[in-house]
């Protein structure tokens, strides 16, 4: 059982706990120095996702505008050319 636990954690539970404590202390000091909070990180991810979402739909909207602008010219020309070649 403990061999499976060590394999899962990557080391003994005591050493993993010690590493987690030290890393948590370091991250806490850095976050305090930059005056960050966990909610700031969550809000940052939310804003990032919202910007990507809006950017994606903005790109789709521009694509649709270009497509419709071109289709206004291309589709009637295609129909006219097909009608002219159909008579032959």
PDB file of N, CA and C in Angstrom:
ATOM      1  N   UNK A   1       0.822  -1.196   0.000  1.00  0.00           N
ATOM      2  CA  UNK A   1       0.000   0.000   0.000  1.00  0.00           C
ATOM      3  C   UNK A   1       0.863   1.254   0.000  1.00  0.00           C
ATOM      4  N   UNK A   2       1.892   1.293   0.861  1.00  0.00           N
ATOM      5  CA  UNK A   2       2.723   2.490   0.928  1.00  0.00           C
ATOM      6  C   UNK A   2       3.560   2.642  -0.349  1.00  0.00           C
ATOM      7  N   UNK A   3       3.905   1.510  -0.986  1.00  0.00           N
ATOM      8  CA  UNK A   3       4.645   1.592  -2.247  1.00  0.00           C
ATOM      9  C   UNK A   3       3.788   2.246  -3.329  1.00  0.00           C
ATOM     10  N   UNK A   4       2.507   1.901  -3.367  1.00  0.00           N
ATOM     11  CA  UNK A   4       1.596   2.544  -4.315  1.00  0.00           C
ATOM     12  C   UNK A   4       1.431   4.028  -3.999  1.00  0.00           C
ATOM     13  N   UNK A   5       1.368   4.360  -2.706  1.00  0.00           N
ATOM     14  CA  UNK A   5       1.228   5.752  -2.290  1.00  0.00           C
ATOM     15  C   UNK A   5       2.475   6.549  -2.684  1.00  0.00           C
ATOM     16  N   UNK A   6       3.644   5.977  -2.463  1.00  0.00           N
ATOM     17  CA  UNK A   6       4.888   6.650  -2.843  1.00  0.00           C
ATOM     18  C   UNK A   6       4.961   6.839  -4.353  1.00  0.00           C
ATOM     19  N   UNK A   7       4.544   5.854  -5.103  1.00  0.00           N
ATOM     20  CA  UNK A   7       4.553   5.961  -6.559  1.00  0.00           C
ATOM     21  C   UNK A   7       3.583   7.047  -7.016  1.00  0.00           C
ATOM     22  N   UNK A   8       2.421   7.099  -6.383  1.00  0.00           N
ATOM     23  CA  UNK A   8       1.422   8.107  -6.747  1.00  0.00           C
ATOM     24  C   UNK A   8       1.912   9.515  -6.430  1.00  0.00           C
ATOM     25  N   UNK A   9       2.487   9.715  -5.254  1.00  0.00           N
ATOM     26  CA  UNK A   9       2.945  11.042  -4.837  1.00  0.00           C
ATOM     27  C   UNK A   9       4.289  11.425  -5.448  1.00  0.00           C
ATOM     28  N   UNK A  10       5.089  10.441  -5.817  1.00  0.00           N
ATOM     29  CA  UNK A  10       6.399  10.718  -6.371  1.00  0.00           C
ATOM     30  C   UNK A  10       7.499  10.685  -5.337  1.00  0.00           C
ATOM     31  N   UNK A  11       7.152  10.556  -4.074  1.00  0.00           N
ATOM     32  CA  UNK A  11       8.110  10.493  -2.969  1.00  0.00           C
ATOM     33  C   UNK A  11       7.333  10.065  -1.730  1.00  0.00           C
ATOM     34  N   UNK A  12       7.998  10.035  -0.602  1.00  0.00           N
ATOM     35  CA  UNK A  12       7.294   9.659   0.628  1.00  0.00           C
ATOM     36  C   UNK A  12       6.329  10.771   1.006  1.00  0.00           C
ATOM     37  N   UNK A  13       5.243  10.443   1.695  1.00  0.00           N
ATOM     38  CA  UNK A  13       4.268  11.479   2.065  1.00  0.00           C
ATOM     39  C   UNK A  13       4.876  12.621   2.886  1.00  0.00           C
ATOM     40  N   UNK A  14       5.806  12.306   3.791  1.00  0.00           N
ATOM     41  CA  UNK A  14       6.415  13.349   4.618  1.00  0.00           C
ATOM     42  C   UNK A  14       7.240  14.319   3.763  1.00  0.00           C
ATOM     43  N   UNK A  15       8.002  13.808   2.831  1.00  0.00           N
ATOM     44  CA  UNK A  15       8.822  14.666   1.975  1.00  0.00           C
ATOM     45  C   UNK A  15       7.942  15.496   1.037  1.00  0.00           C
ATOM     46  N   UNK A  16       6.882  14.891   0.526  1.00  0.00           N
ATOM     47  CA  UNK A  16       5.962  15.648  -0.337  1.00  0.00           C
ATOM     48  C   UNK A  16       5.306  16.762   0.462  1.00  0.00           C
ATOM     49  N   UNK A  17       4.902  16.484   1.691  1.00  0.00           N
ATOM     50  CA  UNK A  17       4.286  17.492   2.551  1.00  0.00           C
ATOM     51  C   UNK A  17       5.264  18.626   2.820  1.00  0.00           C
ATOM     52  N   UNK A  18       6.519  18.308   3.103  1.00  0.00           N
ATOM     53  CA  UNK A  18       7.537  19.328   3.340  1.00  0.00           C
ATOM     54  C   UNK A  18       7.750  20.186   2.095  1.00  0.00           C
ATOM     55  N   UNK A  19       7.818  19.577   0.929  1.00  0.00           N
ATOM     56  CA  UNK A  19       7.985  20.318  -0.320  1.00  0.00           C
ATOM     57  C   UNK A  19       6.791  21.244  -0.566  1.00  0.00           C
ATOM     58  N   UNK A  20       5.586  20.725  -0.325  1.00  0.00           N
ATOM     59  CA  UNK A  20       4.391  21.548  -0.522  1.00  0.00           C
ATOM     60  C   UNK A  20       4.370  22.736   0.430  1.00  0.00           C
ATOM     61  N   UNK A  21       4.807  22.542   1.675  1.00  0.00           N
ATOM     62  CA  UNK A  21       4.849  23.642   2.642  1.00  0.00           C
ATOM     63  C   UNK A  21       5.829  24.710   2.175  1.00  0.00           C
ATOM     64  N   UNK A  22       7.028  24.298   1.745  1.00  0.00           N
ATOM     65  CA  UNK A  22       8.036  25.265   1.305  1.00  0.00           C
ATOM     66  C   UNK A  22       7.592  26.020   0.056  1.00  0.00           C
ATOM     67  N   UNK A  23       7.025  25.317  -0.904  1.00  0.00           N
ATOM     68  CA  UNK A  23       6.557  25.972  -2.131  1.00  0.00           C
ATOM     69  C   UNK A  23       5.399  26.917  -1.817  1.00  0.00           C
ATOM     70  N   UNK A  24       4.490  26.511  -0.932  1.00  0.00           N
ATOM     71  CA  UNK A  24       3.363  27.366  -0.554  1.00  0.00           C
ATOM     72  C   UNK A  24       3.851  28.635   0.128  1.00  0.00           C
ATOM     73  N   UNK A  25       4.862  28.507   0.984  1.00  0.00           N
ATOM     74  CA  UNK A  25       5.432  29.669   1.651  1.00  0.00           C
ATOM     75  C   UNK A  25       6.058  30.619   0.633  1.00  0.00           C
ATOM     76  N   UNK A  26       6.818  30.093  -0.304  1.00  0.00           N
ATOM     77  CA  UNK A  26       7.449  30.916  -1.347  1.00  0.00           C
ATOM     78  C   UNK A  26       6.399  31.620  -2.199  1.00  0.00           C
ATOM     79  N   UNK A  27       5.387  30.889  -2.638  1.00  0.00           N
ATOM     80  CA  UNK A  27       4.330  31.475  -3.474  1.00  0.00           C
ATOM     81  C   UNK A  27       3.568  32.537  -2.689  1.00  0.00           C
ATOM     82  N   UNK A  28       3.327  32.291  -1.399  1.00  0.00           N
ATOM     83  CA  UNK A  28       2.654  33.281  -0.559  1.00  0.00           C
ATOM     84  C   UNK A  28       3.442  34.568  -0.434  1.00  0.00           C
ATOM     85  N   UNK A  29       4.775  34.463  -0.285  1.00  0.00           N
ATOM     86  CA  UNK A  29       5.624  35.653  -0.190  1.00  0.00           C
ATOM     87  C   UNK A  29       5.603  36.430  -1.508  1.00  0.00           C
ATOM     88  N   UNK A  30       5.710  35.728  -2.629  1.00  0.00           N
ATOM     89  CA  UNK A  30       5.691  36.394  -3.937  1.00  0.00           C
ATOM     90  C   UNK A  30       4.350  37.068  -4.173  1.00  0.00           C
ATOM     91  N   UNK A  31       3.252  36.379  -3.857  1.00  0.00           N
ATOM     92  CA  UNK A  31       1.926  36.974  -4.062  1.00  0.00           C
ATOM     93  C   UNK A  31       1.727  38.181  -3.155  1.00  0.00           C
ATOM     94  N   UNK A  32       2.233  38.109  -1.949  1.00  0.00           N
ATOM     95  CA  UNK A  32       2.126  39.240  -1.045  1.00  0.00           C
ATOM     96  C   UNK A  32       2.955  40.419  -1.543  1.00  0.00           C
ATOM     97  N   UNK A  33       4.129  40.153  -2.102  1.00  0.00           N
ATOM     98  CA  UNK A  33       4.982  41.225  -2.615  1.00  0.00           C
ATOM     99  C   UNK A  33       4.317  41.954  -3.781  1.00  0.00           C
ATOM    100  N   UNK A  34       3.590  41.232  -4.615  1.00  0.00           N
ATOM    101  CA  UNK A  34       2.901  41.848  -5.753  1.00  0.00           C
ATOM    102  C   UNK A  34       1.474  42.270  -5.412  1.00  0.00           C
ATOM    103  N   UNK A  35       1.085  42.079  -4.155  1.00  0.00           N
ATOM    104  CA  UNK A  35      -0.262  42.433  -3.685  1.00  0.00           C
ATOM    105  C   UNK A  35      -1.340  41.725  -4.488  1.00  0.00           C
ATOM    106  N   UNK A  36      -1.124  40.453  -4.743  1.00  0.00           N
ATOM    107  CA  UNK A  36      -2.092  39.615  -5.451  1.00  0.00           C
ATOM    108  C   UNK A  36      -2.876  38.793  -4.448  1.00  0.00           C
ATOM    109  N   UNK A  37      -4.085  38.453  -4.836  1.00  0.00           N
ATOM    110  CA  UNK A  37      -4.891  37.526  -4.039  1.00  0.00           C
ATOM    111  C   UNK A  37      -5.366  36.404  -4.955  1.00  0.00           C
ATOM    112  N   UNK A  38      -5.800  35.294  -4.380  1.00  0.00           N
ATOM    113  CA  UNK A  38      -6.318  34.211  -5.240  1.00  0.00           C
ATOM    114  C   UNK A  38      -7.497  34.661  -6.100  1.00  0.00           C
ATOM    115  N   UNK A  39      -8.318  35.570  -5.590  1.00  0.00           N
ATOM    116  CA  UNK A  39      -9.439  36.065  -6.397  1.00  0.00           C
ATOM    117  C   UNK A  39      -8.941  36.874  -7.593  1.00  0.00           C
ATOM    118  N   UNK A  40      -7.833  37.604  -7.429  1.00  0.00           N
ATOM    119  CA  UNK A  40      -7.262  38.335  -8.571  1.00  0.00           C
ATOM    120  C   UNK A  40      -6.870  37.369  -9.676  1.00  0.00           C
ATOM    121  N   UNK A  41      -6.331  36.234  -9.302  1.00  0.00           N
ATOM    122  CA  UNK A  41      -5.940  35.234 -10.302  1.00  0.00           C
ATOM    123  C   UNK A  41      -7.172  34.686 -11.003  1.00  0.00           C
ATOM    124  N   UNK A  42      -8.224  34.391 -10.240  1.00  0.00           N
ATOM    125  CA  UNK A  42      -9.463  33.899 -10.848  1.00  0.00           C
ATOM    126  C   UNK A  42     -10.077  34.935 -11.777  1.00  0.00           C
ATOM    127  N   UNK A  43     -10.089  36.204 -11.335  1.00  0.00           N
ATOM    128  CA  UNK A  43     -10.627  37.263 -12.183  1.00  0.00           C
ATOM    129  C   UNK A  43      -9.778  37.430 -13.440  1.00  0.00           C
ATOM    130  N   UNK A  44      -8.471  37.254 -13.306  1.00  0.00           N
ATOM    131  CA  UNK A  44      -7.593  37.330 -14.473  1.00  0.00           C
ATOM    132  C   UNK A  44      -7.910  36.247 -15.481  1.00  0.00           C
ATOM    133  N   UNK A  45      -8.124  35.014 -15.007  1.00  0.00           N
ATOM    134  CA  UNK A  45      -8.500  33.928 -15.910  1.00  0.00           C
ATOM    135  C   UNK A  45      -9.857  34.196 -16.555  1.00  0.00           C
ATOM    136  N   UNK A  46     -10.784  34.739 -15.773  1.00  0.00           N
ATOM    137  CA  UNK A  46     -12.107  35.039 -16.320  1.00  0.00           C
ATOM    138  C   UNK A  46     -12.010  36.104 -17.412  1.00  0.00           C
ATOM    139  N   UNK A  47     -11.238  37.164 -17.154  1.00  0.00           N
ATOM    140  CA  UNK A  47     -11.068  38.217 -18.169  1.00  0.00           C
ATOM    141  C   UNK A  47     -10.371  37.682 -19.409  1.00  0.00           C
ATOM    142  N   UNK A  48      -9.369  36.819 -19.214  1.00  0.00           N
ATOM    143  CA  UNK A  48      -8.666  36.226 -20.344  1.00  0.00           C
ATOM    144  C   UNK A  48      -9.624  35.393 -21.195  1.00  0.00           C
ATOM    145  N   UNK A  49     -10.435  34.565 -20.551  1.00  0.00           N
ATOM    146  CA  UNK A  49     -11.386  33.733 -21.285  1.00  0.00           C
ATOM    147  C   UNK A  49     -12.418  34.597 -22.007  1.00  0.00           C
ATOM    148  N   UNK A  50     -12.855  35.655 -21.347  1.00  0.00           N
ATOM    149  CA  UNK A  50     -13.845  36.541 -21.967  1.00  0.00           C
ATOM    150  C   UNK A  50     -13.254  37.246 -23.186  1.00  0.00           C
ATOM    151  N   UNK A  51     -11.997  37.687 -23.107  1.00  0.00           N
ATOM    152  CA  UNK A  51     -11.350  38.347 -24.247  1.00  0.00           C
ATOM    153  C   UNK A  51     -11.163  37.377 -25.409  1.00  0.00           C
ATOM    154  N   UNK A  52     -10.747  36.155 -25.119  1.00  0.00           N
ATOM    155  CA  UNK A  52     -10.596  35.153 -26.172  1.00  0.00           C
ATOM    156  C   UNK A  52     -11.944  34.880 -26.813  1.00  0.00           C
ATOM    157  N   UNK A  53     -12.983  34.737 -26.001  1.00  0.00           N
ATOM    158  CA  UNK A  53     -14.335  34.478 -26.504  1.00  0.00           C
ATOM    159  C   UNK A  53     -14.778  35.615 -27.431  1.00  0.00           C
ATOM    160  N   UNK A  54     -14.610  36.855 -26.974  1.00  0.00           N
ATOM    161  CA  UNK A  54     -15.020  38.004 -27.786  1.00  0.00           C
ATOM    162  C   UNK A  54     -14.167  38.138 -29.035  1.00  0.00           C
ATOM    163  N   UNK A  55     -12.883  37.884 -28.912  1.00  0.00           N
ATOM    164  CA  UNK A  55     -12.012  37.950 -30.071  1.00  0.00           C
ATOM    165  C   UNK A  55     -12.399  36.903 -31.099  1.00  0.00           C
ATOM    166  N   UNK A  56     -12.730  35.711 -30.636  1.00  0.00           N
ATOM    167  CA  UNK A  56     -13.132  34.648 -31.553  1.00  0.00           C
ATOM    168  C   UNK A  56     -14.384  35.002 -32.319  1.00  0.00           C
ATOM    169  N   UNK A  57     -15.382  35.517 -31.633  1.00  0.00           N
ATOM    170  CA  UNK A  57     -16.615  35.866 -32.323  1.00  0.00           C
ATOM    171  C   UNK A  57     -16.441  37.119 -33.168  1.00  0.00           C
ATOM    172  N   UNK A  58     -15.544  38.006 -32.784  1.00  0.00           N
ATOM    173  CA  UNK A  58     -15.246  39.157 -33.625  1.00  0.00           C
ATOM    174  C   UNK A  58     -14.610  38.722 -34.930  1.00  0.00           C
ATOM    175  N   UNK A  59     -13.734  37.725 -34.858  1.00  0.00           N
ATOM    176  CA  UNK A  59     -13.094  37.204 -36.075  1.00  0.00           C
ATOM    177  C   UNK A  59     -14.124  36.514 -36.958  1.00  0.00           C
ATOM    178  N   UNK A  60     -15.040  35.780 -36.362  1.00  0.00           N
ATOM    179  CA  UNK A  60     -16.091  35.108 -37.141  1.00  0.00           C
ATOM    180  C   UNK A  60     -16.991  36.150 -37.799  1.00  0.00           C
ATOM    181  N   UNK A  61     -17.275  37.224 -37.072  1.00  0.00           N
ATOM    182  CA  UNK A  61     -18.123  38.280 -37.635  1.00  0.00           C
ATOM    183  C   UNK A  61     -17.430  38.953 -38.824  1.00  0.00           C
ATOM    184  N   UNK A  62     -16.121  39.234 -38.693  1.00  0.00           N
ATOM    185  CA  UNK A  62     -15.383  39.814 -39.821  1.00  0.00           C
ATOM    186  C   UNK A  62     -15.349  38.862 -41.003  1.00  0.00           C
ATOM    187  N   UNK A  63     -15.150  37.574 -40.726  1.00  0.00           N
ATOM    188  CA  UNK A  63     -15.146  36.573 -41.786  1.00  0.00           C
ATOM    189  C   UNK A  63     -16.490  36.557 -42.501  1.00  0.00           C
ATOM    190  N   UNK A  64     -17.578  36.595 -41.738  1.00  0.00           N
ATOM    191  CA  UNK A  64     -18.911  36.585 -42.328  1.00  0.00           C
ATOM    192  C   UNK A  64     -19.138  37.840 -43.168  1.00  0.00           C
ATOM    193  N   UNK A  65     -18.649  38.988 -42.689  1.00  0.00           N
ATOM    194  CA  UNK A  65     -18.799  40.221 -43.470  1.00  0.00           C
ATOM    195  C   UNK A  65     -18.070  40.122 -44.803  1.00  0.00           C
ATOM    196  N   UNK A  66     -16.837  39.633 -44.787  1.00  0.00           N
ATOM    197  CA  UNK A  66     -16.070  39.480 -46.029  1.00  0.00           C
ATOM    198  C   UNK A  66     -16.738  38.470 -46.954  1.00  0.00           C
ATOM    199  N   UNK A  67     -17.231  37.374 -46.377  1.00  0.00           N
ATOM    200  CA  UNK A  67     -17.885  36.341 -47.163  1.00  0.00           C
ATOM    201  C   UNK A  67     -19.132  36.897 -47.860  1.00  0.00           C
ATOM    202  N   UNK A  68     -19.965  37.601 -47.118  1.00  0.00           N
ATOM    203  CA  UNK A  68     -21.189  38.150 -47.708  1.00  0.00           C
ATOM    204  C   UNK A  68     -20.879  39.220 -48.746  1.00  0.00           C
ATOM    205  N   UNK A  69     -19.867  40.036 -48.492  1.00  0.00           N
ATOM    206  CA  UNK A  69     -19.480  41.060 -49.454  1.00  0.00           C
ATOM    207  C   UNK A  69     -19.030  40.428 -50.762  1.00  0.00           C
ATOM    208  N   UNK A  70     -18.227  39.378 -50.670  1.00  0.00           N
ATOM    209  CA  UNK A  70     -17.786  38.681 -51.876  1.00  0.00           C
ATOM    210  C   UNK A  70     -18.906  37.916 -52.544  1.00  0.00           C
ATOM    211  N   UNK A  71     -19.804  37.321 -51.749  1.00  0.00           N
ATOM    212  CA  UNK A  71     -20.896  36.531 -52.313  1.00  0.00           C
ATOM    213  C   UNK A  71     -21.869  37.400 -53.098  1.00  0.00           C
ATOM    214  N   UNK A  72     -22.001  38.654 -52.698  1.00  0.00           N
ATOM    215  CA  UNK A  72     -22.895  39.563 -53.422  1.00  0.00           C
ATOM    216  C   UNK A  72     -22.429  39.740 -54.867  1.00  0.00           C
ATOM    217  N   UNK A  73     -21.141  39.651 -55.092  1.00  0.00           N
ATOM    218  CA  UNK A  73     -20.603  39.798 -56.443  1.00  0.00           C
ATOM    219  C   UNK A  73     -20.470  38.451 -57.135  1.00  0.00           C
ATOM    220  N   UNK A  74     -19.973  37.456 -56.423  1.00  0.00           N
ATOM    221  CA  UNK A  74     -19.623  36.172 -57.040  1.00  0.00           C
ATOM    222  C   UNK A  74     -20.857  35.360 -57.428  1.00  0.00           C
ATOM    223  N   UNK A  75     -21.850  35.273 -56.582  1.00  0.00           N
ATOM    224  CA  UNK A  75     -23.012  34.419 -56.852  1.00  0.00           C
ATOM    225  C   UNK A  75     -23.789  34.894 -58.080  1.00  0.00           C
ATOM    226  N   UNK A  76     -24.109  36.173 -58.212  1.00  0.00           N
ATOM    227  CA  UNK A  76     -24.791  36.591 -59.452  1.00  0.00           C
ATOM    228  C   UNK A  76     -23.948  36.357 -60.707  1.00  0.00           C
ATOM    229  N   UNK A  77     -22.629  36.602 -60.624  1.00  0.00           N
ATOM    230  CA  UNK A  77     -21.760  36.328 -61.776  1.00  0.00           C
ATOM    231  C   UNK A  77     -21.770  34.849 -62.117  1.00  0.00           C
ATOM    232  N   UNK A  78     -21.742  33.992 -61.119  1.00  0.00           N
ATOM    233  CA  UNK A  78     -21.783  32.548 -61.347  1.00  0.00           C
ATOM    234  C   UNK A  78     -23.084  32.142 -62.027  1.00  0.00           C
ATOM    235  N   UNK A  79     -24.194  32.684 -61.535  1.00  0.00           N
ATOM    236  CA  UNK A  79     -25.495  32.342 -62.121  1.00  0.00           C
ATOM    237  C   UNK A  79     -25.568  32.822 -63.567  1.00  0.00           C
ATOM    238  N   UNK A  80     -25.108  34.032 -63.815  1.00  0.00           N
ATOM    239  CA  UNK A  80     -25.130  34.555 -65.189  1.00  0.00           C
ATOM    240  C   UNK A  80     -24.261  33.706 -66.096  1.00  0.00           C
ATOM    241  N   UNK A  81     -23.059  33.354 -65.664  1.00  0.00           N
ATOM    242  CA  UNK A  81     -22.165  32.538 -66.479  1.00  0.00           C
ATOM    243  C   UNK A  81     -22.765  31.143 -66.719  1.00  0.00           C
ATOM    244  N   UNK A  82     -23.412  30.556 -65.732  1.00  0.00           N
ATOM    245  CA  UNK A  82     -24.033  29.259 -65.910  1.00  0.00           C
ATOM    246  C   UNK A  82     -25.198  29.331 -66.895  1.00  0.00           C
ATOM    247  N   UNK A  83     -25.975  30.410 -66.827  1.00  0.00           N
ATOM    248  CA  UNK A  83     -27.092  30.579 -67.773  1.00  0.00           C
ATOM    249  C   UNK A  83     -26.570  30.774 -69.200  1.00  0.00           C
ATOM    250  N   UNK A  84     -25.500  31.518 -69.334  1.00  0.00           N
ATOM    251  CA  UNK A  84     -24.931  31.737 -70.677  1.00  0.00           C
ATOM    252  C   UNK A  84     -24.318  30.458 -71.233  1.00  0.00           C
ATOM    253  N   UNK A  85     -23.694  29.650 -70.410  1.00  0.00           N
ATOM    254  CA  UNK A  85     -23.091  28.401 -70.908  1.00  0.00           C
ATOM    255  C   UNK A  85     -24.146  27.304 -71.073  1.00  0.00           C
ATOM    256  N   UNK A  86     -25.295  27.409 -70.453  1.00  0.00           N
ATOM    257  CA  UNK A  86     -26.349  26.432 -70.560  1.00  0.00           C
ATOM    258  C   UNK A  86     -26.976  26.457 -71.958  1.00  0.00           C
ATOM    259  N   UNK A  87     -27.027  27.624 -72.577  1.00  0.00           N
ATOM    260  CA  UNK A  87     -27.637  27.761 -73.889  1.00  0.00           C
ATOM    261  C   UNK A  87     -26.814  27.075 -74.962  1.00  0.00           C
ATOM    262  N   UNK A  88     -25.562  26.851 -74.733  1.00  0.00           N
ATOM    263  CA  UNK A  88     -24.705  26.271 -75.758  1.00  0.00           C
ATOM    264  C   UNK A  88     -24.885  24.819 -75.868  1.00  0.00           C
TER     265      UNK A  88
END
